[in-house]
Amino acid sequence: MQYVIANKWATDEPFLGKRFKRTVAEREALTEAELKRMMELELK
């Protein structure tokens, strides 16, 4: 954010005074079928 302010892309710190809390996310692994489907997906 200091880089943004130094380059005058923003005039002040938008997160000043904000408090953030870490949260633990429960993540599941992809199944074999989901992985295969992603690998076979054609992207444009």
C-alpha atoms as a PDB file:
ATOM      1  CA  MET A   1       0.000   0.000   0.000  1.00  0.00           C
ATOM      2  CA  GLN A   2       2.916   2.356   0.642  1.00  0.00           C
ATOM      3  CA  TYR A   3       3.943   1.870  -3.005  1.00  0.00           C
ATOM      4  CA  VAL A   4       0.479   2.982  -4.134  1.00  0.00           C
ATOM      5  CA  ILE A   5       0.555   6.112  -1.987  1.00  0.00           C
ATOM      6  CA  ALA A   6       4.130   6.915  -3.052  1.00  0.00           C
ATOM      7  CA  ASN A   7       3.046   6.804  -6.703  1.00  0.00           C
ATOM      8  CA  LYS A   8      -0.010   8.963  -5.905  1.00  0.00           C
ATOM      9  CA  TRP A   9      -2.444   6.282  -7.086  1.00  0.00           C
ATOM     10  CA  ALA A  10      -4.289   6.765  -3.787  1.00  0.00           C
ATOM     11  CA  THR A  11      -4.250   9.721  -1.430  1.00  0.00           C
ATOM     12  CA  ASP A  12      -4.504   7.883   1.868  1.00  0.00           C
ATOM     13  CA  GLU A  13      -4.357   4.468   3.517  1.00  0.00           C
ATOM     14  CA  PRO A  14      -7.821   2.873   3.078  1.00  0.00           C
ATOM     15  CA  PHE A  15      -7.144   0.221   5.750  1.00  0.00           C
ATOM     16  CA  LEU A  16      -6.025   2.634   8.453  1.00  0.00           C
ATOM     17  CA  GLY A  17      -7.866   1.859  11.679  1.00  0.00           C
ATOM     18  CA  LYS A  18      -9.259  -1.449  10.401  1.00  0.00           C
ATOM     19  CA  ARG A  19      -8.727  -4.596  12.420  1.00  0.00           C
ATOM     20  CA  PHE A  20      -8.457  -7.963  10.783  1.00  0.00           C
ATOM     21  CA  LYS A  21      -8.903 -11.351  12.360  1.00  0.00           C
ATOM     22  CA  ARG A  22      -7.424 -14.584  11.053  1.00  0.00           C
ATOM     23  CA  THR A  23      -9.878 -17.379  10.508  1.00  0.00           C
ATOM     24  CA  VAL A  24      -9.180 -21.037   9.885  1.00  0.00           C
ATOM     25  CA  ALA A  25     -10.847 -22.362   6.747  1.00  0.00           C
ATOM     26  CA  GLU A  26     -11.686 -26.016   6.377  1.00  0.00           C
ATOM     27  CA  ARG A  27     -10.544 -27.137   2.960  1.00  0.00           C
ATOM     28  CA  GLU A  28     -11.329 -30.356   1.199  1.00  0.00           C
ATOM     29  CA  ALA A  29      -9.110 -32.023  -1.374  1.00  0.00           C
ATOM     30  CA  LEU A  30     -10.435 -32.480  -4.903  1.00  0.00           C
ATOM     31  CA  THR A  31     -11.556 -35.946  -5.918  1.00  0.00           C
ATOM     32  CA  GLU A  32      -9.801 -37.869  -8.672  1.00  0.00           C
ATOM     33  CA  ALA A  33     -12.750 -37.200 -11.017  1.00  0.00           C
ATOM     34  CA  GLU A  34     -12.636 -33.443 -10.318  1.00  0.00           C
ATOM     35  CA  LEU A  35      -8.890 -33.321 -10.992  1.00  0.00           C
ATOM     36  CA  LYS A  36      -9.309 -35.228 -14.251  1.00  0.00           C
ATOM     37  CA  ARG A  37     -12.132 -32.922 -15.368  1.00  0.00           C
ATOM     38  CA  MET A  38      -9.948 -29.868 -14.695  1.00  0.00           C
ATOM     39  CA  MET A  39      -6.986 -31.310 -16.582  1.00  0.00           C
ATOM     40  CA  GLU A  40      -9.167 -32.072 -19.609  1.00  0.00           C
ATOM     41  CA  LEU A  41     -10.779 -28.616 -19.641  1.00  0.00           C
ATOM     42  CA  GLU A  42      -9.935 -26.558 -22.724  1.00  0.00           C
ATOM     43  CA  LEU A  43      -9.358 -22.895 -21.935  1.00  0.00           C
ATOM     44  CA  LYS A  44      -9.662 -20.218 -24.581  1.00  0.00           C
END
